[in-house]
């Protein structure tokens, strides 16, 4: 299993690290952070979701990752937007898959959040990769990949062209609610960590978790499903757990107490004391 190999290397590194004694003597402020902060659709509590403004804000707020949602235009361009329609977050209407890239790019994707964001555009997947790789981790969600046949191959191609298909070249995770799509991504990019998303209690059974562990490195549930028992089960299977979507300091503290590996939040400052 990919995660087991990575974990073994990390354990050996810690064992022989000069910082080992520091951990033994008690954690410092910097060492208290045992989890990743993931800026959900960027720092979307402060800037329009899935725009450069939100991703820049996530970077500014020292998040470990930005989370992005990838879909495809009518003419085959990979674009970053959450909903399968443009109605909620732009001044346009219609389904993402029915609009050309030129039509999508002409929309205002910022004004819904405030006049100061007027003119923000729907980014391309390539644009996000090129702007942020090497600066911050990127948690890539394939949004409704069942609507976009061949999407997995396109995403894999873009990552390979940038040498982002190997963990040492940057923090990349791919996730989806579509489990068949994630099995496909695992086959296409065997060295890239894969995550499964769920908000269903049907997916936290021992049998379901064991099935996910066959191909996934992350089990990423809605925080309403999280318990210490679940976190322990996920860890025992060699996976990590990132939970979503935190929109209050109380929810952030709950997940910290549960010892999850990542907190996906609209407000990175609710999670990270450095802000």
C-alpha atoms as a PDB file:
ATOM      1  CA  UNK A   1       0.000   0.000   0.000  1.00  0.00           C
ATOM      2  CA  UNK A   2       1.295   3.430  -0.955  1.00  0.00           C
ATOM      3  CA  UNK A   3       0.541   5.035   2.391  1.00  0.00           C
ATOM      4  CA  UNK A   4       2.214   2.267   4.340  1.00  0.00           C
ATOM      5  CA  UNK A   5       5.452   2.784   2.416  1.00  0.00           C
ATOM      6  CA  UNK A   6       5.354   6.540   2.888  1.00  0.00           C
ATOM      7  CA  UNK A   7       4.539   6.122   6.566  1.00  0.00           C
ATOM      8  CA  UNK A   8       7.445   3.763   7.115  1.00  0.00           C
ATOM      9  CA  UNK A   9       9.838   6.279   5.617  1.00  0.00           C
ATOM     10  CA  UNK A  10       8.444   9.050   7.790  1.00  0.00           C
ATOM     11  CA  UNK A  11       8.753   6.911  10.915  1.00  0.00           C
ATOM     12  CA  UNK A  12      12.407   6.130  10.190  1.00  0.00           C
ATOM     13  CA  UNK A  13      13.126   9.786   9.484  1.00  0.00           C
ATOM     14  CA  UNK A  14      11.641  10.773  12.824  1.00  0.00           C
ATOM     15  CA  UNK A  15      13.477   8.013  14.658  1.00  0.00           C
ATOM     16  CA  UNK A  16      16.843   9.341  13.570  1.00  0.00           C
ATOM     17  CA  UNK A  17      15.879  13.006  13.469  1.00  0.00           C
ATOM     18  CA  UNK A  18      17.752  15.556  15.590  1.00  0.00           C
ATOM     19  CA  UNK A  19      14.313  16.828  16.560  1.00  0.00           C
ATOM     20  CA  UNK A  20      13.416  13.546  18.262  1.00  0.00           C
ATOM     21  CA  UNK A  21      14.590  14.814  21.630  1.00  0.00           C
ATOM     22  CA  UNK A  22      12.531  17.968  21.224  1.00  0.00           C
ATOM     23  CA  UNK A  23       9.406  15.848  20.823  1.00  0.00           C
ATOM     24  CA  UNK A  24      10.393  13.740  23.825  1.00  0.00           C
ATOM     25  CA  UNK A  25      10.799  16.824  25.976  1.00  0.00           C
ATOM     26  CA  UNK A  26       7.359  18.116  24.999  1.00  0.00           C
ATOM     27  CA  UNK A  27       6.000  19.864  21.904  1.00  0.00           C
ATOM     28  CA  UNK A  28       6.780  23.451  21.122  1.00  0.00           C
ATOM     29  CA  UNK A  29       4.170  25.747  19.620  1.00  0.00           C
ATOM     30  CA  UNK A  30       5.234  24.844  16.094  1.00  0.00           C
ATOM     31  CA  UNK A  31       5.217  21.112  16.827  1.00  0.00           C
ATOM     32  CA  UNK A  32       1.681  21.141  18.183  1.00  0.00           C
ATOM     33  CA  UNK A  33       0.287  21.084  14.657  1.00  0.00           C
ATOM     34  CA  UNK A  34      -0.101  17.412  13.821  1.00  0.00           C
ATOM     35  CA  UNK A  35      -2.579  17.955  10.984  1.00  0.00           C
ATOM     36  CA  UNK A  36      -2.875  19.764   7.660  1.00  0.00           C
ATOM     37  CA  UNK A  37      -5.014  22.843   7.130  1.00  0.00           C
ATOM     38  CA  UNK A  38      -6.830  22.666   3.805  1.00  0.00           C
ATOM     39  CA  UNK A  39      -8.344  25.880   2.397  1.00  0.00           C
ATOM     40  CA  UNK A  40     -11.707  24.687   1.060  1.00  0.00           C
ATOM     41  CA  UNK A  41     -12.185  26.012  -2.484  1.00  0.00           C
ATOM     42  CA  UNK A  42      -9.449  28.379  -1.357  1.00  0.00           C
ATOM     43  CA  UNK A  43     -10.020  30.542   1.694  1.00  0.00           C
ATOM     44  CA  UNK A  44     -13.632  30.759   0.579  1.00  0.00           C
ATOM     45  CA  UNK A  45     -14.851  32.349   3.802  1.00  0.00           C
ATOM     46  CA  UNK A  46     -12.989  35.492   2.737  1.00  0.00           C
ATOM     47  CA  UNK A  47     -12.913  35.437  -1.072  1.00  0.00           C
ATOM     48  CA  UNK A  48     -15.084  33.957  -3.847  1.00  0.00           C
ATOM     49  CA  UNK A  49     -14.713  30.186  -3.894  1.00  0.00           C
ATOM     50  CA  UNK A  50     -12.583  28.469  -6.523  1.00  0.00           C
ATOM     51  CA  UNK A  51     -11.053  31.706  -7.790  1.00  0.00           C
ATOM     52  CA  UNK A  52      -7.472  32.927  -7.865  1.00  0.00           C
ATOM     53  CA  UNK A  53      -8.409  35.443  -5.160  1.00  0.00           C
ATOM     54  CA  UNK A  54      -9.481  32.611  -2.822  1.00  0.00           C
ATOM     55  CA  UNK A  55      -6.451  30.467  -3.605  1.00  0.00           C
ATOM     56  CA  UNK A  56      -4.091  33.400  -3.091  1.00  0.00           C
ATOM     57  CA  UNK A  57      -5.794  34.067   0.249  1.00  0.00           C
ATOM     58  CA  UNK A  58      -5.315  30.445   1.278  1.00  0.00           C
ATOM     59  CA  UNK A  59      -1.627  30.724   0.447  1.00  0.00           C
ATOM     60  CA  UNK A  60      -1.375  34.007   2.362  1.00  0.00           C
ATOM     61  CA  UNK A  61      -3.037  32.400   5.377  1.00  0.00           C
ATOM     62  CA  UNK A  62      -0.398  29.632   5.388  1.00  0.00           C
ATOM     63  CA  UNK A  63      -2.745  26.757   4.607  1.00  0.00           C
ATOM     64  CA  UNK A  64      -0.981  23.487   3.820  1.00  0.00           C
ATOM     65  CA  UNK A  65      -3.287  22.802   0.865  1.00  0.00           C
ATOM     66  CA  UNK A  66      -5.842  24.506  -1.307  1.00  0.00           C
ATOM     67  CA  UNK A  67      -8.807  22.350  -2.297  1.00  0.00           C
ATOM     68  CA  UNK A  68     -10.117  22.755  -5.847  1.00  0.00           C
ATOM     69  CA  UNK A  69     -13.052  21.304  -7.812  1.00  0.00           C
ATOM     70  CA  UNK A  70     -12.393  20.254 -11.396  1.00  0.00           C
ATOM     71  CA  UNK A  71     -14.949  19.921 -14.201  1.00  0.00           C
ATOM     72  CA  UNK A  72     -14.830  20.183 -17.998  1.00  0.00           C
ATOM     73  CA  UNK A  73     -16.233  22.670 -20.490  1.00  0.00           C
ATOM     74  CA  UNK A  74     -18.259  21.738 -23.563  1.00  0.00           C
ATOM     75  CA  UNK A  75     -15.139  22.022 -25.711  1.00  0.00           C
ATOM     76  CA  UNK A  76     -12.920  19.993 -23.381  1.00  0.00           C
ATOM     77  CA  UNK A  77     -11.149  22.527 -21.170  1.00  0.00           C
ATOM     78  CA  UNK A  78     -10.606  21.514 -17.531  1.00  0.00           C
ATOM     79  CA  UNK A  79     -12.040  24.277 -15.350  1.00  0.00           C
ATOM     80  CA  UNK A  80     -12.217  24.899 -11.605  1.00  0.00           C
ATOM     81  CA  UNK A  81     -15.757  25.340 -10.287  1.00  0.00           C
ATOM     82  CA  UNK A  82     -17.814  23.501  -7.666  1.00  0.00           C
ATOM     83  CA  UNK A  83     -21.420  23.329  -8.873  1.00  0.00           C
ATOM     84  CA  UNK A  84     -22.333  21.512 -12.069  1.00  0.00           C
ATOM     85  CA  UNK A  85     -24.127  24.737 -13.083  1.00  0.00           C
ATOM     86  CA  UNK A  86     -22.731  28.280 -13.094  1.00  0.00           C
ATOM     87  CA  UNK A  87     -25.887  29.856 -11.630  1.00  0.00           C
ATOM     88  CA  UNK A  88     -24.872  30.215  -7.966  1.00  0.00           C
ATOM     89  CA  UNK A  89     -21.346  31.595  -8.242  1.00  0.00           C
ATOM     90  CA  UNK A  90     -21.383  33.589 -11.495  1.00  0.00           C
ATOM     91  CA  UNK A  91     -23.565  36.051 -13.388  1.00  0.00           C
ATOM     92  CA  UNK A  92     -24.413  33.363 -15.936  1.00  0.00           C
ATOM     93  CA  UNK A  93     -26.769  30.412 -16.183  1.00  0.00           C
ATOM     94  CA  UNK A  94     -26.459  26.885 -17.488  1.00  0.00           C
ATOM     95  CA  UNK A  95     -24.553  23.667 -16.973  1.00  0.00           C
ATOM     96  CA  UNK A  96     -20.769  23.750 -16.971  1.00  0.00           C
ATOM     97  CA  UNK A  97     -20.621  20.913 -19.499  1.00  0.00           C
ATOM     98  CA  UNK A  98     -22.938  22.781 -21.898  1.00  0.00           C
ATOM     99  CA  UNK A  99     -20.844  25.968 -22.013  1.00  0.00           C
ATOM    100  CA  UNK A 100     -17.667  26.496 -24.027  1.00  0.00           C
ATOM    101  CA  UNK A 101     -14.516  27.622 -22.304  1.00  0.00           C
ATOM    102  CA  UNK A 102     -14.887  31.074 -23.885  1.00  0.00           C
ATOM    103  CA  UNK A 103     -18.415  31.327 -22.493  1.00  0.00           C
ATOM    104  CA  UNK A 104     -17.290  30.185 -19.036  1.00  0.00           C
ATOM    105  CA  UNK A 105     -14.316  32.528 -19.037  1.00  0.00           C
ATOM    106  CA  UNK A 106     -16.538  35.519 -19.874  1.00  0.00           C
ATOM    107  CA  UNK A 107     -18.508  35.121 -16.645  1.00  0.00           C
ATOM    108  CA  UNK A 108     -18.013  37.147 -13.467  1.00  0.00           C
ATOM    109  CA  UNK A 109     -17.189  34.597 -10.747  1.00  0.00           C
ATOM    110  CA  UNK A 110     -16.440  37.106  -7.989  1.00  0.00           C
ATOM    111  CA  UNK A 111     -19.227  39.633  -7.567  1.00  0.00           C
ATOM    112  CA  UNK A 112     -21.470  37.209  -5.676  1.00  0.00           C
ATOM    113  CA  UNK A 113     -19.003  37.482  -2.790  1.00  0.00           C
ATOM    114  CA  UNK A 114     -18.607  41.254  -2.915  1.00  0.00           C
ATOM    115  CA  UNK A 115     -18.068  44.162  -5.293  1.00  0.00           C
ATOM    116  CA  UNK A 116     -14.347  44.155  -4.533  1.00  0.00           C
ATOM    117  CA  UNK A 117     -14.108  40.780  -6.300  1.00  0.00           C
ATOM    118  CA  UNK A 118     -15.911  41.840  -9.485  1.00  0.00           C
ATOM    119  CA  UNK A 119     -14.265  40.415 -12.564  1.00  0.00           C
ATOM    120  CA  UNK A 120     -12.776  37.284 -10.983  1.00  0.00           C
ATOM    121  CA  UNK A 121     -12.784  34.524 -13.576  1.00  0.00           C
ATOM    122  CA  UNK A 122     -13.343  30.770 -13.488  1.00  0.00           C
ATOM    123  CA  UNK A 123      -9.759  29.430 -13.493  1.00  0.00           C
ATOM    124  CA  UNK A 124      -8.474  26.570 -15.594  1.00  0.00           C
ATOM    125  CA  UNK A 125      -6.975  23.492 -13.977  1.00  0.00           C
ATOM    126  CA  UNK A 126      -3.692  24.171 -15.757  1.00  0.00           C
ATOM    127  CA  UNK A 127      -3.653  27.750 -14.485  1.00  0.00           C
ATOM    128  CA  UNK A 128      -4.025  26.598 -10.876  1.00  0.00           C
ATOM    129  CA  UNK A 129      -1.338  23.925 -11.216  1.00  0.00           C
ATOM    130  CA  UNK A 130       1.131  26.351 -12.777  1.00  0.00           C
ATOM    131  CA  UNK A 131       0.469  29.138 -10.275  1.00  0.00           C
ATOM    132  CA  UNK A 132       0.583  27.116  -7.051  1.00  0.00           C
ATOM    133  CA  UNK A 133       2.699  23.986  -7.560  1.00  0.00           C
ATOM    134  CA  UNK A 134       5.685  24.045  -5.283  1.00  0.00           C
ATOM    135  CA  UNK A 135       4.124  26.811  -3.175  1.00  0.00           C
ATOM    136  CA  UNK A 136       1.241  24.968  -1.519  1.00  0.00           C
ATOM    137  CA  UNK A 137      -0.313  21.508  -1.636  1.00  0.00           C
ATOM    138  CA  UNK A 138      -3.248  20.996  -3.994  1.00  0.00           C
ATOM    139  CA  UNK A 139      -6.169  18.753  -3.051  1.00  0.00           C
ATOM    140  CA  UNK A 140      -7.896  18.059  -6.363  1.00  0.00           C
ATOM    141  CA  UNK A 141     -11.533  16.992  -6.293  1.00  0.00           C
ATOM    142  CA  UNK A 142     -12.949  15.502  -9.469  1.00  0.00           C
ATOM    143  CA  UNK A 143     -16.471  16.907  -9.376  1.00  0.00           C
ATOM    144  CA  UNK A 144     -19.118  14.621 -10.911  1.00  0.00           C
ATOM    145  CA  UNK A 145     -16.607  12.812 -13.142  1.00  0.00           C
ATOM    146  CA  UNK A 146     -19.423  10.570 -14.352  1.00  0.00           C
ATOM    147  CA  UNK A 147     -20.569  13.571 -16.426  1.00  0.00           C
ATOM    148  CA  UNK A 148     -17.192  13.849 -18.147  1.00  0.00           C
ATOM    149  CA  UNK A 149     -15.991  10.592 -19.745  1.00  0.00           C
ATOM    150  CA  UNK A 150     -12.209  10.530 -20.035  1.00  0.00           C
ATOM    151  CA  UNK A 151     -11.739  13.215 -17.411  1.00  0.00           C
ATOM    152  CA  UNK A 152      -9.412  11.041 -15.343  1.00  0.00           C
ATOM    153  CA  UNK A 153      -6.990  10.597 -18.237  1.00  0.00           C
ATOM    154  CA  UNK A 154      -6.917  14.360 -18.880  1.00  0.00           C
ATOM    155  CA  UNK A 155      -6.198  15.155 -15.231  1.00  0.00           C
ATOM    156  CA  UNK A 156      -3.465  12.521 -15.150  1.00  0.00           C
ATOM    157  CA  UNK A 157      -1.943  13.937 -18.334  1.00  0.00           C
ATOM    158  CA  UNK A 158      -1.770  17.470 -16.942  1.00  0.00           C
ATOM    159  CA  UNK A 159      -0.096  16.242 -13.755  1.00  0.00           C
ATOM    160  CA  UNK A 160       2.402  14.079 -15.624  1.00  0.00           C
ATOM    161  CA  UNK A 161       3.370  16.963 -17.920  1.00  0.00           C
ATOM    162  CA  UNK A 162       4.377  18.916 -14.809  1.00  0.00           C
ATOM    163  CA  UNK A 163       6.061  15.978 -13.044  1.00  0.00           C
ATOM    164  CA  UNK A 164       3.378  16.167 -10.365  1.00  0.00           C
ATOM    165  CA  UNK A 165       2.650  12.454 -10.626  1.00  0.00           C
ATOM    166  CA  UNK A 166       5.452  11.694  -8.153  1.00  0.00           C
ATOM    167  CA  UNK A 167       5.075  12.637  -4.469  1.00  0.00           C
ATOM    168  CA  UNK A 168       8.562  14.104  -4.124  1.00  0.00           C
ATOM    169  CA  UNK A 169       7.718  16.784  -6.687  1.00  0.00           C
ATOM    170  CA  UNK A 170       4.869  18.359  -4.774  1.00  0.00           C
ATOM    171  CA  UNK A 171       1.932  17.777  -2.487  1.00  0.00           C
ATOM    172  CA  UNK A 172      -0.896  16.497  -4.663  1.00  0.00           C
ATOM    173  CA  UNK A 173      -3.948  14.511  -3.518  1.00  0.00           C
ATOM    174  CA  UNK A 174      -6.869  13.513  -5.745  1.00  0.00           C
ATOM    175  CA  UNK A 175     -10.301  12.856  -4.256  1.00  0.00           C
ATOM    176  CA  UNK A 176     -13.933  12.350  -5.273  1.00  0.00           C
ATOM    177  CA  UNK A 177     -17.303  11.102  -4.133  1.00  0.00           C
ATOM    178  CA  UNK A 178     -17.155   8.806  -7.173  1.00  0.00           C
ATOM    179  CA  UNK A 179     -15.281   5.736  -5.968  1.00  0.00           C
ATOM    180  CA  UNK A 180     -14.968   4.092  -9.397  1.00  0.00           C
ATOM    181  CA  UNK A 181     -13.290   7.263 -10.636  1.00  0.00           C
ATOM    182  CA  UNK A 182     -10.800   7.085  -7.772  1.00  0.00           C
ATOM    183  CA  UNK A 183      -9.987   3.457  -8.534  1.00  0.00           C
ATOM    184  CA  UNK A 184      -9.244   4.596 -12.068  1.00  0.00           C
ATOM    185  CA  UNK A 185      -7.049   7.466 -10.850  1.00  0.00           C
ATOM    186  CA  UNK A 186      -5.141   5.058  -8.614  1.00  0.00           C
ATOM    187  CA  UNK A 187      -4.387   2.914 -11.661  1.00  0.00           C
ATOM    188  CA  UNK A 188      -3.395   5.928 -13.780  1.00  0.00           C
ATOM    189  CA  UNK A 189      -1.283   7.615 -11.083  1.00  0.00           C
ATOM    190  CA  UNK A 190      -0.140   4.883  -8.681  1.00  0.00           C
ATOM    191  CA  UNK A 191       2.227   7.207  -6.779  1.00  0.00           C
ATOM    192  CA  UNK A 192      -0.325   9.970  -6.153  1.00  0.00           C
ATOM    193  CA  UNK A 193      -2.371   9.715  -2.942  1.00  0.00           C
ATOM    194  CA  UNK A 194      -6.075   9.026  -3.530  1.00  0.00           C
ATOM    195  CA  UNK A 195      -8.950  10.121  -1.284  1.00  0.00           C
ATOM    196  CA  UNK A 196     -12.583   9.073  -1.063  1.00  0.00           C
ATOM    197  CA  UNK A 197     -15.227  11.554   0.038  1.00  0.00           C
ATOM    198  CA  UNK A 198     -18.443  10.658   1.806  1.00  0.00           C
ATOM    199  CA  UNK A 199     -21.232  11.992   3.981  1.00  0.00           C
ATOM    200  CA  UNK A 200     -22.919   8.595   4.317  1.00  0.00           C
ATOM    201  CA  UNK A 201     -22.886   6.422   7.431  1.00  0.00           C
ATOM    202  CA  UNK A 202     -22.984   3.414   5.088  1.00  0.00           C
ATOM    203  CA  UNK A 203     -19.331   4.062   4.301  1.00  0.00           C
ATOM    204  CA  UNK A 204     -17.952   3.914   7.839  1.00  0.00           C
ATOM    205  CA  UNK A 205     -18.558   0.212   8.417  1.00  0.00           C
ATOM    206  CA  UNK A 206     -15.557  -2.076   8.854  1.00  0.00           C
ATOM    207  CA  UNK A 207     -16.295  -3.728   5.513  1.00  0.00           C
ATOM    208  CA  UNK A 208     -16.610  -0.451   3.619  1.00  0.00           C
ATOM    209  CA  UNK A 209     -13.441   1.011   5.133  1.00  0.00           C
ATOM    210  CA  UNK A 210     -11.460  -2.117   4.293  1.00  0.00           C
ATOM    211  CA  UNK A 211     -12.650  -1.828   0.703  1.00  0.00           C
ATOM    212  CA  UNK A 212     -11.519   1.785   0.460  1.00  0.00           C
ATOM    213  CA  UNK A 213      -8.115   0.915   1.930  1.00  0.00           C
ATOM    214  CA  UNK A 214      -7.433  -1.331  -1.071  1.00  0.00           C
ATOM    215  CA  UNK A 215      -6.889   1.722  -3.290  1.00  0.00           C
ATOM    216  CA  UNK A 216      -7.270   4.898  -1.214  1.00  0.00           C
ATOM    217  CA  UNK A 217      -4.782   6.680   1.016  1.00  0.00           C
ATOM    218  CA  UNK A 218      -7.306   9.123   2.507  1.00  0.00           C
ATOM    219  CA  UNK A 219     -10.811   8.621   3.864  1.00  0.00           C
ATOM    220  CA  UNK A 220     -12.368  12.094   3.909  1.00  0.00           C
ATOM    221  CA  UNK A 221     -15.800  12.230   5.589  1.00  0.00           C
ATOM    222  CA  UNK A 222     -18.157  14.999   6.575  1.00  0.00           C
ATOM    223  CA  UNK A 223     -17.244  16.006  10.118  1.00  0.00           C
ATOM    224  CA  UNK A 224     -20.646  14.845  11.370  1.00  0.00           C
ATOM    225  CA  UNK A 225     -19.416  11.267  10.848  1.00  0.00           C
ATOM    226  CA  UNK A 226     -16.156  11.719  12.730  1.00  0.00           C
ATOM    227  CA  UNK A 227     -15.511   9.984  16.025  1.00  0.00           C
ATOM    228  CA  UNK A 228     -12.346   8.835  17.758  1.00  0.00           C
ATOM    229  CA  UNK A 229     -13.332   5.268  16.934  1.00  0.00           C
ATOM    230  CA  UNK A 230     -13.586   6.105  13.232  1.00  0.00           C
ATOM    231  CA  UNK A 231     -10.241   7.927  13.237  1.00  0.00           C
ATOM    232  CA  UNK A 232      -8.588   4.920  14.883  1.00  0.00           C
ATOM    233  CA  UNK A 233     -10.127   2.505  12.380  1.00  0.00           C
ATOM    234  CA  UNK A 234      -8.970   4.597   9.434  1.00  0.00           C
ATOM    235  CA  UNK A 235      -5.452   4.809  10.848  1.00  0.00           C
ATOM    236  CA  UNK A 236      -5.365   1.086  11.595  1.00  0.00           C
ATOM    237  CA  UNK A 237      -6.081   0.444   7.895  1.00  0.00           C
ATOM    238  CA  UNK A 238      -3.120   2.582   6.857  1.00  0.00           C
ATOM    239  CA  UNK A 239      -5.179   5.534   5.633  1.00  0.00           C
ATOM    240  CA  UNK A 240      -5.300   9.137   6.782  1.00  0.00           C
ATOM    241  CA  UNK A 241      -8.441  11.138   7.443  1.00  0.00           C
ATOM    242  CA  UNK A 242      -9.267  14.683   6.373  1.00  0.00           C
ATOM    243  CA  UNK A 243     -12.674  16.039   7.350  1.00  0.00           C
ATOM    244  CA  UNK A 244     -14.915  18.806   5.962  1.00  0.00           C
ATOM    245  CA  UNK A 245     -16.285  21.467   5.983  1.00  0.00           C
ATOM    246  CA  UNK A 246     -15.260  23.527   8.998  1.00  0.00           C
ATOM    247  CA  UNK A 247     -17.026  26.878   9.282  1.00  0.00           C
ATOM    248  CA  UNK A 248     -16.738  27.502  13.029  1.00  0.00           C
ATOM    249  CA  UNK A 249     -13.948  27.461  15.614  1.00  0.00           C
ATOM    250  CA  UNK A 250     -15.929  24.859  17.572  1.00  0.00           C
ATOM    251  CA  UNK A 251     -15.982  22.445  14.632  1.00  0.00           C
ATOM    252  CA  UNK A 252     -12.261  22.982  14.124  1.00  0.00           C
ATOM    253  CA  UNK A 253     -11.519  22.217  17.776  1.00  0.00           C
ATOM    254  CA  UNK A 254     -13.665  19.091  17.658  1.00  0.00           C
ATOM    255  CA  UNK A 255     -11.657  17.701  14.744  1.00  0.00           C
ATOM    256  CA  UNK A 256      -8.375  18.657  16.399  1.00  0.00           C
ATOM    257  CA  UNK A 257      -9.489  16.754  19.506  1.00  0.00           C
ATOM    258  CA  UNK A 258     -10.378  13.740  17.337  1.00  0.00           C
ATOM    259  CA  UNK A 259      -6.803  13.797  15.973  1.00  0.00           C
ATOM    260  CA  UNK A 260      -7.701  13.876  12.290  1.00  0.00           C
ATOM    261  CA  UNK A 261      -4.889  14.316   9.779  1.00  0.00           C
ATOM    262  CA  UNK A 262      -6.404  17.241   7.913  1.00  0.00           C
ATOM    263  CA  UNK A 263      -9.102  19.856   8.406  1.00  0.00           C
ATOM    264  CA  UNK A 264     -10.848  21.179   5.312  1.00  0.00           C
ATOM    265  CA  UNK A 265     -12.140  24.649   6.087  1.00  0.00           C
ATOM    266  CA  UNK A 266     -13.473  27.856   4.550  1.00  0.00           C
ATOM    267  CA  UNK A 267     -11.621  29.729   7.314  1.00  0.00           C
ATOM    268  CA  UNK A 268      -7.975  28.633   7.682  1.00  0.00           C
ATOM    269  CA  UNK A 269      -7.552  30.989  10.642  1.00  0.00           C
ATOM    270  CA  UNK A 270     -10.106  28.960  12.647  1.00  0.00           C
ATOM    271  CA  UNK A 271      -7.657  26.051  12.464  1.00  0.00           C
ATOM    272  CA  UNK A 272      -4.174  27.516  12.318  1.00  0.00           C
ATOM    273  CA  UNK A 273      -2.982  29.675  15.217  1.00  0.00           C
ATOM    274  CA  UNK A 274      -0.344  31.290  12.998  1.00  0.00           C
ATOM    275  CA  UNK A 275      -3.040  33.505  11.445  1.00  0.00           C
END
